[in-house]
Amino acid sequence: MKKVELLAPAGDLERLKAAVIYGADAVYVGGQIFGLRASAKNFTLEELKEGIDFAHQRGVKVFVTANIIPHNDDLKELPKYLKEIETIGVDAVIVSDPGTFAIVKETVPNMEIHISTQANNTNYSTVNFWHSLGASRVVLARELSFDEIEEIRRNIPEDLELEAFIHGAMCISYSGRCLLSNYMAGRDANRGECAHPCRWNYYLVEEKRPGEYMPIIEGEHGTYIMNSKDLCMIEYIPEIIKSGINSLKIEGRMKTTYYVATIVRAYRLAIDSYYKNPEGWQCSQQLLEEIKKASHRDFTTGFYLDKPGHEEHIYGDKSYVRGYNFIGIVQDYDEKNQIATIQQRNRFFAGDKIEIIGPHEKVIHMTIEEMWDQEGNKIEVAPHPKQIVKFKVQEKLEPYYILRKEREEEESE
């Protein structure tokens, strides 16, 4: 049985490497132009080449987003850019616009093309249309059920791949094609500059009563009427695979290295365990808890099981659930002396109880007994961003292992 692909986001080079190490089969990234996440760090061509080399050495593919809805000026640099990313070995380009598609076919005819969810791919006729033009993969709209996806699969060529989002933020607008940000903040979501106004706090104002702000539902803090829960389908791996989806996509090019590593690891373990025992598979409680240890909103199954109702939104606030802090990432491990070298990401102390995860299932629980700075001086706290810290760990660690600490109740969100 050919395994489905696990496709992970990467907002920069560190996150790309984390996605690869923690089990992604492919990653999708944005260059510094033409992608839909303008506020992400994104990749220079030099960084992209380094990331591609790192991924390819480990059998992982790299896809580049070019899925903005472009205006005339956006097209001028596109042919040159496409030739550059082809030269450095990009495996596929993700597009949503027919004009962009035509330029890709003309400029780099051997480049594999994936059709973005931004193209509103909701039926088999649309999917077949893109295939007839030469697309090798179509990313389905988030607004589809398992039944609809199965019908699409039955009515398209077997070699045409389907990709679908299975985890991450949901958008209030169909397939993410939103004008609200443009209207509210002058930032075009369809050109990568979304201000996320769907997460803002709203009141109702009556035309003849300016300045009187009435909550849309009863409550003293207004209501977040467009604030969707996050998609989480880790409990439905069998249904996803049986529906005919070839690539399982995690949302989150704006997310942290810790988020990418945690979510990719959980889905990797879930998918692999399913293939080992497809008939008796159930998602373990441990994996569900692991998913929740990354920053998240409450979870929903989106449109997969049924059309979502009012219970799929979060009306009370827009904050994330953050049960754990990402406190460090392993740079090196001296096996002889059992000393780990850590790059700090959030403050931690000697005496803290921490957890360490790698790409495998085991979670290491330990207490930091003593720790030292880069010069070997004993320290009680690591307060500085990206400070180099060393302490003893009895179990062997590898670079990119993640350190986390449970948040105290009084810690602010």
Foldseek 3Di string as FASTA:
>chain_A
DDFFFEEFEALFLLLLLLLQFLAGQEYEFEDCFQALANVGPTDHLVRVLVSQVSNVVSNHAYEYENAFPDDPVRCPCLLVVLVSVVVSPHQAYEYADPVSVVSNCVRPVVHAYEYALNNAAQALVVLQVVVVVPHQEYEHKLQDALVRLLRSCVRHDLRRAYEYEQWWADFLDTSQCDCPQCVPPVAHSSRNGRPPCLQDFAFDDDPVRPPDTHAPDDDDRHWSQRAFFIGHCLQPVVSCVVSRHRYYYYDDNPDDSLLSSQVSLLSSVSSVVCVVPVVPDGRDPVSVVSNLQGWGGDYDNDPHHHHDDSVRGGIPHNGTDHFKDFFWWWDDADLVQQKTKTFTAAKDFQQAWKWKDGSDDDIDTDGFNWKAFPVRHTDGMDHDHRGIMMGGDNDDDDGGITMMGGDDPPDDD
